[in-house]
Amino acid sequence: MSWNLSGTYFESCSCEVPCPCTVSLDLGADLDYCRIVLAFNIASGDVDGVDVGGVGTALVGDAPKVMSDGGWRLGLFIDDSASDEQAEALTQVFSGALGGPPAALAPLLGEFLGVARAPIEFDEHGRTHAVKIGDGVDIEVEDIVSFGSEGDKPAQLVNIFHPVSTTLTIARAKRANVNAFGIEYTGRGGFSNSEFAWAG
């Protein structure tokens, strides 16, 4: 079964800026845990003939202080406007069952918390990225431009291990309130990627 997804990506986490867990999964989080929302604004995509373009998704996670220790708890949100066929196709992709980048996280997963359908509203413009998911997730992160730098190019992490990209833009939370799948946090840090492209 072949598939591909492309769009924009951003995340929020419970760590300070920049999140040490994203720098490297074997660095300890700022707190005794790392809680995250990984938001995928899918512009176009196909999963074995099922068109999934325009369907928003997000993973909500809770991991131990050292994320490389595994035992992550993850829940998946899929926009409630998606058809059952689209939701099933995206569940297969994000679970890692169809290979590709999501499968890289599979060895770290301890518990899958299920799939929830909810309205997902993205609002992205310039360096600001926001998502609201039902009553459980309300996030806005802003890409950081380093003080004293010329122009408006934001700061980035490069040469990292991350399922979305080896380069991510560093962001800070303007607001990040999460209470979903039994996972609750107020976020501080974040990252974004102006484009992501996955295939399996």
C-alpha atoms as a PDB file:
ATOM      1  CA  MET A   1       0.000   0.000   0.000  1.00  0.00           C
ATOM      2  CA  SER A   2       1.551   3.304  -1.066  1.00  0.00           C
ATOM      3  CA  TRP A   3       0.802   6.660   0.466  1.00  0.00           C
ATOM      4  CA  ASN A   4       1.967  10.286   0.572  1.00  0.00           C
ATOM      5  CA  LEU A   5       1.124  13.365   2.621  1.00  0.00           C
ATOM      6  CA  SER A   6       2.275  16.967   2.342  1.00  0.00           C
ATOM      7  CA  GLY A   7       1.424  20.179   4.120  1.00  0.00           C
ATOM      8  CA  THR A   8       2.646  22.214   7.079  1.00  0.00           C
ATOM      9  CA  TYR A   9       3.624  21.059  10.542  1.00  0.00           C
ATOM     10  CA  PHE A  10       4.115  22.573  13.981  1.00  0.00           C
ATOM     11  CA  GLU A  11       4.309  21.377  17.550  1.00  0.00           C
ATOM     12  CA  SER A  12       3.962  22.526  21.127  1.00  0.00           C
ATOM     13  CA  CYS A  13       5.641  20.974  24.150  1.00  0.00           C
ATOM     14  CA  SER A  14       5.883  21.349  27.903  1.00  0.00           C
ATOM     15  CA  CYS A  15       9.626  22.143  27.838  1.00  0.00           C
ATOM     16  CA  GLU A  16      11.275  25.541  27.750  1.00  0.00           C
ATOM     17  CA  VAL A  17      12.669  27.044  24.519  1.00  0.00           C
ATOM     18  CA  PRO A  18      14.327  25.267  22.813  1.00  0.00           C
ATOM     19  CA  CYS A  19      13.030  21.860  23.829  1.00  0.00           C
ATOM     20  CA  PRO A  20      16.017  19.627  24.724  1.00  0.00           C
ATOM     21  CA  CYS A  21      14.040  16.517  23.692  1.00  0.00           C
ATOM     22  CA  THR A  22      13.896  17.732  20.087  1.00  0.00           C
ATOM     23  CA  VAL A  23      17.587  18.605  20.130  1.00  0.00           C
ATOM     24  CA  SER A  24      18.131  14.908  20.977  1.00  0.00           C
ATOM     25  CA  LEU A  25      15.715  12.305  22.373  1.00  0.00           C
ATOM     26  CA  ASP A  26      18.340  11.134  24.879  1.00  0.00           C
ATOM     27  CA  LEU A  27      18.541  14.534  26.595  1.00  0.00           C
ATOM     28  CA  GLY A  28      16.234  14.892  29.571  1.00  0.00           C
ATOM     29  CA  ALA A  29      13.203  17.147  29.397  1.00  0.00           C
ATOM     30  CA  ASP A  30      13.060  20.298  31.535  1.00  0.00           C
ATOM     31  CA  LEU A  31      10.345  18.683  33.680  1.00  0.00           C
ATOM     32  CA  ASP A  32       9.917  15.060  34.755  1.00  0.00           C
ATOM     33  CA  TYR A  33       8.005  14.418  31.526  1.00  0.00           C
ATOM     34  CA  CYS A  34       7.677  15.722  27.987  1.00  0.00           C
ATOM     35  CA  ARG A  35       4.133  16.384  26.809  1.00  0.00           C
ATOM     36  CA  ILE A  36       3.552  17.323  23.201  1.00  0.00           C
ATOM     37  CA  VAL A  37       1.067  18.076  20.454  1.00  0.00           C
ATOM     38  CA  LEU A  38       2.256  17.385  16.904  1.00  0.00           C
ATOM     39  CA  ALA A  39      -0.094  19.145  14.457  1.00  0.00           C
ATOM     40  CA  PHE A  40      -0.272  18.233  10.761  1.00  0.00           C
ATOM     41  CA  ASN A  41      -2.135  20.588   8.435  1.00  0.00           C
ATOM     42  CA  ILE A  42      -2.402  18.226   5.461  1.00  0.00           C
ATOM     43  CA  ALA A  43      -2.742  20.120   2.179  1.00  0.00           C
ATOM     44  CA  SER A  44      -2.668  17.089  -0.111  1.00  0.00           C
ATOM     45  CA  GLY A  45      -2.336  13.366   0.291  1.00  0.00           C
ATOM     46  CA  ASP A  46      -3.301   9.931  -0.952  1.00  0.00           C
ATOM     47  CA  VAL A  47      -3.398   6.672   0.984  1.00  0.00           C
ATOM     48  CA  ASP A  48      -3.844   3.729  -1.378  1.00  0.00           C
ATOM     49  CA  GLY A  49      -6.269   5.688  -3.543  1.00  0.00           C
ATOM     50  CA  VAL A  50      -8.029   7.510  -0.694  1.00  0.00           C
ATOM     51  CA  ASP A  51      -7.719  11.307  -1.040  1.00  0.00           C
ATOM     52  CA  VAL A  52      -6.910  12.750   2.402  1.00  0.00           C
ATOM     53  CA  GLY A  53      -6.053  16.302   1.318  1.00  0.00           C
ATOM     54  CA  GLY A  54      -7.497  18.953   3.613  1.00  0.00           C
ATOM     55  CA  VAL A  55      -7.919  16.642   6.605  1.00  0.00           C
ATOM     56  CA  GLY A  56      -6.282  18.006   9.767  1.00  0.00           C
ATOM     57  CA  THR A  57      -4.616  15.610  12.209  1.00  0.00           C
ATOM     58  CA  ALA A  58      -2.684  15.885  15.456  1.00  0.00           C
ATOM     59  CA  LEU A  59      -0.891  13.553  17.846  1.00  0.00           C
ATOM     60  CA  VAL A  60      -1.075  14.253  21.575  1.00  0.00           C
ATOM     61  CA  GLY A  61       1.696  12.612  23.560  1.00  0.00           C
ATOM     62  CA  ASP A  62       3.095  11.993  27.005  1.00  0.00           C
ATOM     63  CA  ALA A  63       6.661  10.686  27.252  1.00  0.00           C
ATOM     64  CA  PRO A  64       9.117  10.116  30.085  1.00  0.00           C
ATOM     65  CA  LYS A  65      11.786  12.674  30.938  1.00  0.00           C
ATOM     66  CA  VAL A  66      14.241  10.884  28.643  1.00  0.00           C
ATOM     67  CA  MET A  67      12.166  10.272  25.534  1.00  0.00           C
ATOM     68  CA  SER A  68      14.537   7.658  24.103  1.00  0.00           C
ATOM     69  CA  ASP A  69      13.582   5.399  27.042  1.00  0.00           C
ATOM     70  CA  GLY A  70      10.290   4.735  25.230  1.00  0.00           C
ATOM     71  CA  GLY A  71       6.954   4.113  26.890  1.00  0.00           C
ATOM     72  CA  TRP A  72       5.280   7.017  25.089  1.00  0.00           C
ATOM     73  CA  ARG A  73       1.498   7.391  25.331  1.00  0.00           C
ATOM     74  CA  LEU A  74      -0.027   8.779  22.124  1.00  0.00           C
ATOM     75  CA  GLY A  75      -3.549   9.685  21.038  1.00  0.00           C
ATOM     76  CA  LEU A  76      -4.578  10.719  17.534  1.00  0.00           C
ATOM     77  CA  PHE A  77      -7.038  13.451  16.590  1.00  0.00           C
ATOM     78  CA  ILE A  78      -8.615  13.425  13.127  1.00  0.00           C
ATOM     79  CA  ASP A  79     -10.837  16.237  11.884  1.00  0.00           C
ATOM     80  CA  ASP A  80     -14.484  15.281  12.288  1.00  0.00           C
ATOM     81  CA  SER A  81     -15.160  16.479   8.742  1.00  0.00           C
ATOM     82  CA  ALA A  82     -13.208  13.470   7.414  1.00  0.00           C
ATOM     83  CA  SER A  83     -15.088  10.478   6.058  1.00  0.00           C
ATOM     84  CA  ASP A  84     -14.749   7.128   7.814  1.00  0.00           C
ATOM     85  CA  GLU A  85     -12.586   5.956   4.907  1.00  0.00           C
ATOM     86  CA  GLN A  86     -10.258   8.951   5.253  1.00  0.00           C
ATOM     87  CA  ALA A  87     -10.065   8.515   9.036  1.00  0.00           C
ATOM     88  CA  GLU A  88      -9.164   4.832   8.709  1.00  0.00           C
ATOM     89  CA  ALA A  89      -6.505   5.592   6.099  1.00  0.00           C
ATOM     90  CA  LEU A  90      -4.890   8.284   8.272  1.00  0.00           C
ATOM     91  CA  THR A  91      -5.042   6.059  11.350  1.00  0.00           C
ATOM     92  CA  GLN A  92      -3.040   3.455   9.445  1.00  0.00           C
ATOM     93  CA  VAL A  93      -0.452   6.062   8.433  1.00  0.00           C
ATOM     94  CA  PHE A  94      -0.016   7.711  11.834  1.00  0.00           C
ATOM     95  CA  SER A  95       0.108   4.401  13.692  1.00  0.00           C
ATOM     96  CA  GLY A  96       3.197   3.510  11.670  1.00  0.00           C
ATOM     97  CA  ALA A  97       1.466   0.436  10.222  1.00  0.00           C
ATOM     98  CA  LEU A  98       2.197   1.583   6.655  1.00  0.00           C
ATOM     99  CA  GLY A  99       5.890   2.353   7.225  1.00  0.00           C
ATOM    100  CA  GLY A 100       7.536   5.638   6.356  1.00  0.00           C
ATOM    101  CA  PRO A 101       8.489   8.334   8.907  1.00  0.00           C
ATOM    102  CA  PRO A 102       5.769   7.485  11.489  1.00  0.00           C
ATOM    103  CA  ALA A 103       7.203   3.974  11.796  1.00  0.00           C
ATOM    104  CA  ALA A 104      10.433   5.512  13.174  1.00  0.00           C
ATOM    105  CA  LEU A 105       8.547   6.333  16.379  1.00  0.00           C
ATOM    106  CA  ALA A 106       6.871   2.916  16.715  1.00  0.00           C
ATOM    107  CA  PRO A 107       9.639   1.377  18.891  1.00  0.00           C
ATOM    108  CA  LEU A 108       9.143   4.213  21.408  1.00  0.00           C
ATOM    109  CA  LEU A 109       5.388   3.737  21.736  1.00  0.00           C
ATOM    110  CA  GLY A 110       4.183   2.202  24.987  1.00  0.00           C
ATOM    111  CA  GLU A 111       0.444   2.810  24.753  1.00  0.00           C
ATOM    112  CA  PHE A 112      -1.810   3.965  21.939  1.00  0.00           C
ATOM    113  CA  LEU A 113      -4.652   5.973  23.487  1.00  0.00           C
ATOM    114  CA  GLY A 114      -6.958   5.699  20.501  1.00  0.00           C
ATOM    115  CA  VAL A 115      -8.434   7.949  17.857  1.00  0.00           C
ATOM    116  CA  ALA A 116     -10.797  10.853  18.532  1.00  0.00           C
ATOM    117  CA  ARG A 117     -12.783  12.812  15.974  1.00  0.00           C
ATOM    118  CA  ALA A 118     -13.132  16.540  16.654  1.00  0.00           C
ATOM    119  CA  PRO A 119     -13.310  19.811  14.721  1.00  0.00           C
ATOM    120  CA  ILE A 120      -9.765  20.954  13.906  1.00  0.00           C
ATOM    121  CA  GLU A 121      -9.192  24.603  12.957  1.00  0.00           C
ATOM    122  CA  PHE A 122      -5.779  25.719  11.704  1.00  0.00           C
ATOM    123  CA  ASP A 123      -4.736  29.366  11.449  1.00  0.00           C
ATOM    124  CA  GLU A 124      -1.271  29.917  10.011  1.00  0.00           C
ATOM    125  CA  HIS A 125       0.166  33.171   8.733  1.00  0.00           C
ATOM    126  CA  GLY A 126       3.754  34.335   8.579  1.00  0.00           C
ATOM    127  CA  ARG A 127       5.664  33.134  11.632  1.00  0.00           C
ATOM    128  CA  THR A 128       2.518  32.294  13.618  1.00  0.00           C
ATOM    129  CA  HIS A 129       0.913  28.847  13.691  1.00  0.00           C
ATOM    130  CA  ALA A 130      -2.263  28.024  15.615  1.00  0.00           C
ATOM    131  CA  VAL A 131      -4.649  25.106  15.987  1.00  0.00           C
ATOM    132  CA  LYS A 132      -7.813  24.571  17.979  1.00  0.00           C
ATOM    133  CA  ILE A 133      -9.097  21.022  18.402  1.00  0.00           C
ATOM    134  CA  GLY A 134     -12.532  20.747  19.977  1.00  0.00           C
ATOM    135  CA  ASP A 135     -12.397  21.759  23.636  1.00  0.00           C
ATOM    136  CA  GLY A 136      -9.150  19.914  24.343  1.00  0.00           C
ATOM    137  CA  VAL A 137      -6.379  21.709  22.452  1.00  0.00           C
ATOM    138  CA  ASP A 138      -5.758  25.434  21.935  1.00  0.00           C
ATOM    139  CA  ILE A 139      -2.248  26.250  20.718  1.00  0.00           C
ATOM    140  CA  GLU A 140      -0.473  29.166  19.084  1.00  0.00           C
ATOM    141  CA  VAL A 141       3.289  29.168  18.528  1.00  0.00           C
ATOM    142  CA  GLU A 142       5.460  31.856  16.969  1.00  0.00           C
ATOM    143  CA  ASP A 143       8.755  31.248  15.156  1.00  0.00           C
ATOM    144  CA  ILE A 144      11.668  33.003  16.851  1.00  0.00           C
ATOM    145  CA  VAL A 145      13.923  35.456  15.067  1.00  0.00           C
ATOM    146  CA  SER A 146      17.180  35.724  16.981  1.00  0.00           C
ATOM    147  CA  PHE A 147      17.805  39.078  18.657  1.00  0.00           C
ATOM    148  CA  GLY A 148      20.287  41.138  16.670  1.00  0.00           C
ATOM    149  CA  SER A 149      20.042  39.063  13.497  1.00  0.00           C
ATOM    150  CA  GLU A 150      19.553  40.787  10.173  1.00  0.00           C
ATOM    151  CA  GLY A 151      16.331  40.187   8.287  1.00  0.00           C
ATOM    152  CA  ASP A 152      13.433  38.089   9.522  1.00  0.00           C
ATOM    153  CA  LYS A 153      14.693  34.532   9.067  1.00  0.00           C
ATOM    154  CA  PRO A 154      13.849  32.484  12.159  1.00  0.00           C
ATOM    155  CA  ALA A 155      16.322  30.389  14.148  1.00  0.00           C
ATOM    156  CA  GLN A 156      16.492  26.686  13.322  1.00  0.00           C
ATOM    157  CA  LEU A 157      17.757  23.356  14.581  1.00  0.00           C
ATOM    158  CA  VAL A 158      19.563  21.373  11.878  1.00  0.00           C
ATOM    159  CA  ASN A 159      20.855  17.794  11.615  1.00  0.00           C
ATOM    160  CA  ILE A 160      18.369  16.395  14.125  1.00  0.00           C
ATOM    161  CA  PHE A 161      16.408  13.143  14.320  1.00  0.00           C
ATOM    162  CA  HIS A 162      12.731  13.988  13.942  1.00  0.00           C
ATOM    163  CA  PRO A 163      10.020  12.200  11.955  1.00  0.00           C
ATOM    164  CA  VAL A 164       9.021  15.382  10.111  1.00  0.00           C
ATOM    165  CA  SER A 165      12.398  16.816   9.078  1.00  0.00           C
ATOM    166  CA  THR A 166      16.073  17.023   9.957  1.00  0.00           C
ATOM    167  CA  THR A 167      15.592  20.823  10.159  1.00  0.00           C
ATOM    168  CA  LEU A 168      12.989  22.506  12.352  1.00  0.00           C
ATOM    169  CA  THR A 169      12.278  26.164  13.081  1.00  0.00           C
ATOM    170  CA  ILE A 170      12.409  27.070  16.779  1.00  0.00           C
ATOM    171  CA  ALA A 171       9.213  28.602  18.144  1.00  0.00           C
ATOM    172  CA  ARG A 172       7.761  29.744  21.453  1.00  0.00           C
ATOM    173  CA  ALA A 173       4.222  29.294  22.676  1.00  0.00           C
ATOM    174  CA  LYS A 174       2.034  32.370  22.746  1.00  0.00           C
ATOM    175  CA  ARG A 175      -0.563  30.033  24.247  1.00  0.00           C
ATOM    176  CA  ALA A 176      -0.679  26.269  24.575  1.00  0.00           C
ATOM    177  CA  ASN A 177      -3.401  24.702  26.672  1.00  0.00           C
ATOM    178  CA  VAL A 178      -3.938  20.967  26.322  1.00  0.00           C
ATOM    179  CA  ASN A 179      -6.305  18.577  28.082  1.00  0.00           C
ATOM    180  CA  ALA A 180      -6.950  15.550  25.875  1.00  0.00           C
ATOM    181  CA  PHE A 181      -6.560  11.762  26.070  1.00  0.00           C
ATOM    182  CA  GLY A 182      -5.878  12.156  29.797  1.00  0.00           C
ATOM    183  CA  ILE A 183      -2.838  14.324  28.998  1.00  0.00           C
ATOM    184  CA  GLU A 184      -2.769  17.856  30.357  1.00  0.00           C
ATOM    185  CA  TYR A 185      -0.172  20.613  30.111  1.00  0.00           C
ATOM    186  CA  THR A 186       0.470  24.280  29.458  1.00  0.00           C
ATOM    187  CA  GLY A 187       3.124  24.601  26.770  1.00  0.00           C
ATOM    188  CA  ARG A 188       6.135  26.876  26.532  1.00  0.00           C
ATOM    189  CA  GLY A 189       8.273  25.653  23.657  1.00  0.00           C
ATOM    190  CA  GLY A 190       7.535  24.681  20.104  1.00  0.00           C
ATOM    191  CA  PHE A 191       8.817  24.040  16.605  1.00  0.00           C
ATOM    192  CA  SER A 192       7.457  24.433  13.098  1.00  0.00           C
ATOM    193  CA  ASN A 193       8.185  23.368   9.553  1.00  0.00           C
ATOM    194  CA  SER A 194       6.869  25.400   6.651  1.00  0.00           C
ATOM    195  CA  GLU A 195       6.496  22.241   4.594  1.00  0.00           C
ATOM    196  CA  PHE A 196       6.503  18.539   5.330  1.00  0.00           C
ATOM    197  CA  ALA A 197       6.336  15.687   2.849  1.00  0.00           C
ATOM    198  CA  TRP A 198       5.919  12.044   3.862  1.00  0.00           C
ATOM    199  CA  ALA A 199       5.665   8.929   1.772  1.00  0.00           C
ATOM    200  CA  GLY A 200       5.531   5.212   2.416  1.00  0.00           C
END
